[in-house]
Amino acid sequence: QVQLVESGGGLVQAGNSLRLSCAASGASGSISIIDINLMGWYRQYPGMQRELVADISHGGITKYAESVKGRFSIFRDNAKNSIDLQMNDLKPEDTAVYFCYADRVTFWTGIATRTLHNSFGQGTQVAVSS
């Protein structure tokens, strides 16, 4: 119904930067997104549960994990239903799969309005070498 498409992962050396992007869109032409309450990024280490990296509300209120404060910044474009995560001063411990996240996505199916909760993208790999 609604898909989250991530881009921007890759391999970098410690101290360098990467920018991740995520855009939400309808999975078919008849679906249009009306509003998204919360968008953000989670990351997952092998064998571990996903953990919050940063999120941003529709009104622009941000939240960051302690481990990334001062290094990562999250940006949102409500008109494009998209977010970016600017990651600076990357460390080897930032190596993980990063997932775009959206909660309370209100969309029009062409017939009715629906709300989607707790949706994740496919994930993008970030690898930081020392």
C-alpha atoms as a PDB file:
ATOM      1  CA  GLN A   1       0.000   0.000   0.000  1.00  0.00           C
ATOM      2  CA  VAL A   2       2.726   2.450   1.055  1.00  0.00           C
ATOM      3  CA  GLN A   3       6.409   1.909   0.437  1.00  0.00           C
ATOM      4  CA  LEU A   4       9.509   3.453   1.968  1.00  0.00           C
ATOM      5  CA  VAL A   5      12.515   3.558  -0.336  1.00  0.00           C
ATOM      6  CA  GLU A   6      15.951   4.217   1.142  1.00  0.00           C
ATOM      7  CA  SER A   7      19.153   5.251  -0.586  1.00  0.00           C
ATOM      8  CA  GLY A   8      22.610   6.510   0.281  1.00  0.00           C
ATOM      9  CA  GLY A   9      24.251   3.706   2.200  1.00  0.00           C
ATOM     10  CA  GLY A  10      27.785   2.571   1.491  1.00  0.00           C
ATOM     11  CA  LEU A  11      31.306   2.045   2.787  1.00  0.00           C
ATOM     12  CA  VAL A  12      33.297   4.940   4.214  1.00  0.00           C
ATOM     13  CA  GLN A  13      36.315   5.447   6.415  1.00  0.00           C
ATOM     14  CA  ALA A  14      35.952   6.571   9.996  1.00  0.00           C
ATOM     15  CA  GLY A  15      35.591  10.323  10.325  1.00  0.00           C
ATOM     16  CA  ASN A  16      33.858  10.721   6.993  1.00  0.00           C
ATOM     17  CA  SER A  17      30.210  11.459   6.214  1.00  0.00           C
ATOM     18  CA  LEU A  18      27.241   9.816   4.547  1.00  0.00           C
ATOM     19  CA  ARG A  19      23.731  11.024   3.838  1.00  0.00           C
ATOM     20  CA  LEU A  20      20.804   8.625   3.820  1.00  0.00           C
ATOM     21  CA  SER A  21      17.547   9.466   2.091  1.00  0.00           C
ATOM     22  CA  CYS A  22      14.087   7.942   2.360  1.00  0.00           C
ATOM     23  CA  ALA A  23      10.928   8.717   0.436  1.00  0.00           C
ATOM     24  CA  ALA A  24       7.452   7.392   1.128  1.00  0.00           C
ATOM     25  CA  SER A  25       5.066   6.797  -1.742  1.00  0.00           C
ATOM     26  CA  GLY A  26       1.999   4.822  -2.682  1.00  0.00           C
ATOM     27  CA  ALA A  27       2.725   1.345  -3.942  1.00  0.00           C
ATOM     28  CA  SER A  28       0.322   1.898  -6.827  1.00  0.00           C
ATOM     29  CA  GLY A  29      -0.933   4.872  -8.788  1.00  0.00           C
ATOM     30  CA  SER A  30      -4.296   4.925  -7.015  1.00  0.00           C
ATOM     31  CA  ILE A  31      -2.723   5.478  -3.588  1.00  0.00           C
ATOM     32  CA  SER A  32      -1.800   8.946  -2.428  1.00  0.00           C
ATOM     33  CA  ILE A  33      -0.291   9.874   0.899  1.00  0.00           C
ATOM     34  CA  ILE A  34      -2.191  12.510   2.861  1.00  0.00           C
ATOM     35  CA  ASP A  35      -0.049  12.817   5.969  1.00  0.00           C
ATOM     36  CA  ILE A  36       2.728  11.088   7.916  1.00  0.00           C
ATOM     37  CA  ASN A  37       2.952  11.688  11.659  1.00  0.00           C
ATOM     38  CA  LEU A  38       6.425  10.424  12.445  1.00  0.00           C
ATOM     39  CA  MET A  39       9.380   9.450  10.268  1.00  0.00           C
ATOM     40  CA  GLY A  40      12.778   8.311  11.297  1.00  0.00           C
ATOM     41  CA  TRP A  41      15.694   5.935  11.083  1.00  0.00           C
ATOM     42  CA  TYR A  42      16.432   2.779  12.981  1.00  0.00           C
ATOM     43  CA  ARG A  43      19.544   0.642  12.719  1.00  0.00           C
ATOM     44  CA  GLN A  44      20.180  -3.002  13.367  1.00  0.00           C
ATOM     45  CA  TYR A  45      23.370  -4.815  14.277  1.00  0.00           C
ATOM     46  CA  PRO A  46      23.697  -8.531  13.433  1.00  0.00           C
ATOM     47  CA  GLY A  47      21.711 -10.611  15.886  1.00  0.00           C
ATOM     48  CA  MET A  48      20.306  -7.547  17.648  1.00  0.00           C
ATOM     49  CA  GLN A  49      16.962  -5.753  17.686  1.00  0.00           C
ATOM     50  CA  ARG A  50      16.494  -2.551  15.766  1.00  0.00           C
ATOM     51  CA  GLU A  51      17.280   0.585  17.715  1.00  0.00           C
ATOM     52  CA  LEU A  52      16.180   4.135  17.149  1.00  0.00           C
ATOM     53  CA  VAL A  53      18.774   6.424  15.592  1.00  0.00           C
ATOM     54  CA  ALA A  54      16.679   9.547  15.072  1.00  0.00           C
ATOM     55  CA  ASP A  55      13.134  10.548  14.300  1.00  0.00           C
ATOM     56  CA  ILE A  56      11.247  13.679  13.375  1.00  0.00           C
ATOM     57  CA  SER A  57       7.593  14.580  13.760  1.00  0.00           C
ATOM     58  CA  HIS A  58       5.425  16.258  11.147  1.00  0.00           C
ATOM     59  CA  GLY A  59       5.982  19.495  13.041  1.00  0.00           C
ATOM     60  CA  GLY A  60       9.755  19.117  13.034  1.00  0.00           C
ATOM     61  CA  ILE A  61      10.407  17.901  16.576  1.00  0.00           C
ATOM     62  CA  THR A  62      13.480  15.696  16.540  1.00  0.00           C
ATOM     63  CA  LYS A  63      14.809  12.961  18.778  1.00  0.00           C
ATOM     64  CA  TYR A  64      18.255  11.353  18.657  1.00  0.00           C
ATOM     65  CA  ALA A  65      19.945   8.377  20.233  1.00  0.00           C
ATOM     66  CA  GLU A  66      22.616   9.479  22.708  1.00  0.00           C
ATOM     67  CA  SER A  67      25.300   7.761  20.650  1.00  0.00           C
ATOM     68  CA  VAL A  68      24.661   9.949  17.593  1.00  0.00           C
ATOM     69  CA  LYS A  69      23.878  13.328  19.172  1.00  0.00           C
ATOM     70  CA  GLY A  70      26.088  16.033  17.742  1.00  0.00           C
ATOM     71  CA  ARG A  71      27.104  13.873  14.781  1.00  0.00           C
ATOM     72  CA  PHE A  72      23.834  13.011  12.999  1.00  0.00           C
ATOM     73  CA  SER A  73      21.083  15.351  11.840  1.00  0.00           C
ATOM     74  CA  ILE A  74      17.655  14.424  10.534  1.00  0.00           C
ATOM     75  CA  PHE A  75      15.742  16.563   8.044  1.00  0.00           C
ATOM     76  CA  ARG A  76      12.240  16.280   6.713  1.00  0.00           C
ATOM     77  CA  ASP A  77      10.367  17.556   3.671  1.00  0.00           C
ATOM     78  CA  ASN A  78       6.637  17.121   4.318  1.00  0.00           C
ATOM     79  CA  ALA A  79       5.702  18.087   0.770  1.00  0.00           C
ATOM     80  CA  LYS A  80       7.813  15.224  -0.588  1.00  0.00           C
ATOM     81  CA  ASN A  81       7.104  12.788   2.275  1.00  0.00           C
ATOM     82  CA  SER A  82      10.819  12.327   2.634  1.00  0.00           C
ATOM     83  CA  ILE A  83      13.556  12.456   5.229  1.00  0.00           C
ATOM     84  CA  ASP A  84      17.327  12.622   5.128  1.00  0.00           C
ATOM     85  CA  LEU A  85      19.846  11.579   7.734  1.00  0.00           C
ATOM     86  CA  GLN A  86      23.138  13.443   7.570  1.00  0.00           C
ATOM     87  CA  MET A  87      25.773  11.355   9.330  1.00  0.00           C
ATOM     88  CA  ASN A  88      29.054  13.088  10.131  1.00  0.00           C
ATOM     89  CA  ASP A  89      32.169  11.887  11.932  1.00  0.00           C
ATOM     90  CA  LEU A  90      31.175   8.284  11.351  1.00  0.00           C
ATOM     91  CA  LYS A  91      32.625   5.621  13.651  1.00  0.00           C
ATOM     92  CA  PRO A  92      33.089   1.886  13.136  1.00  0.00           C
ATOM     93  CA  GLU A  93      30.313   1.298  15.679  1.00  0.00           C
ATOM     94  CA  ASP A  94      27.896   3.041  13.318  1.00  0.00           C
ATOM     95  CA  THR A  95      28.235   0.055  10.996  1.00  0.00           C
ATOM     96  CA  ALA A  96      24.751  -1.448  10.690  1.00  0.00           C
ATOM     97  CA  VAL A  97      21.762  -1.814   8.421  1.00  0.00           C
ATOM     98  CA  TYR A  98      19.719   1.377   8.534  1.00  0.00           C
ATOM     99  CA  PHE A  99      15.951   1.257   8.130  1.00  0.00           C
ATOM    100  CA  CYS A 100      13.620   4.093   7.287  1.00  0.00           C
ATOM    101  CA  TYR A 101      10.538   4.181   9.509  1.00  0.00           C
ATOM    102  CA  ALA A 102       7.142   5.808   9.299  1.00  0.00           C
ATOM    103  CA  ASP A 103       4.265   5.733  11.735  1.00  0.00           C
ATOM    104  CA  ARG A 104       0.658   6.819  11.288  1.00  0.00           C
ATOM    105  CA  VAL A 105       0.767   7.169   7.531  1.00  0.00           C
ATOM    106  CA  THR A 106      -2.636   8.383   6.376  1.00  0.00           C
ATOM    107  CA  PHE A 107      -3.324   7.648   2.741  1.00  0.00           C
ATOM    108  CA  TRP A 108      -6.153   7.615   0.212  1.00  0.00           C
ATOM    109  CA  THR A 109      -6.701   4.314  -1.588  1.00  0.00           C
ATOM    110  CA  GLY A 110      -8.996   5.736  -4.233  1.00  0.00           C
ATOM    111  CA  ILE A 111     -11.943   4.394  -2.278  1.00  0.00           C
ATOM    112  CA  ALA A 112     -11.253   5.129   1.382  1.00  0.00           C
ATOM    113  CA  THR A 113      -8.796   6.723   3.786  1.00  0.00           C
ATOM    114  CA  ARG A 114      -6.552   4.311   5.654  1.00  0.00           C
ATOM    115  CA  THR A 115      -3.843   4.644   8.293  1.00  0.00           C
ATOM    116  CA  LEU A 116      -0.686   2.541   8.346  1.00  0.00           C
ATOM    117  CA  HIS A 117       1.299   2.087  11.550  1.00  0.00           C
ATOM    118  CA  ASN A 118       4.939   1.167  12.138  1.00  0.00           C
ATOM    119  CA  SER A 119       6.153   0.703   8.585  1.00  0.00           C
ATOM    120  CA  PHE A 120       9.796   0.009   7.736  1.00  0.00           C
ATOM    121  CA  GLY A 121      11.757   0.161   4.511  1.00  0.00           C
ATOM    122  CA  GLN A 122      13.972  -2.621   3.179  1.00  0.00           C
ATOM    123  CA  GLY A 123      17.106  -1.231   4.791  1.00  0.00           C
ATOM    124  CA  THR A 124      20.420   0.083   3.513  1.00  0.00           C
ATOM    125  CA  GLN A 125      23.866  -1.017   4.652  1.00  0.00           C
ATOM    126  CA  VAL A 126      26.269   1.474   6.206  1.00  0.00           C
ATOM    127  CA  ALA A 127      29.805   0.243   6.801  1.00  0.00           C
ATOM    128  CA  VAL A 128      32.507   2.326   8.472  1.00  0.00           C
ATOM    129  CA  SER A 129      36.090   1.140   8.370  1.00  0.00           C
ATOM    130  CA  SER A 130      38.672   2.142  10.966  1.00  0.00           C
END
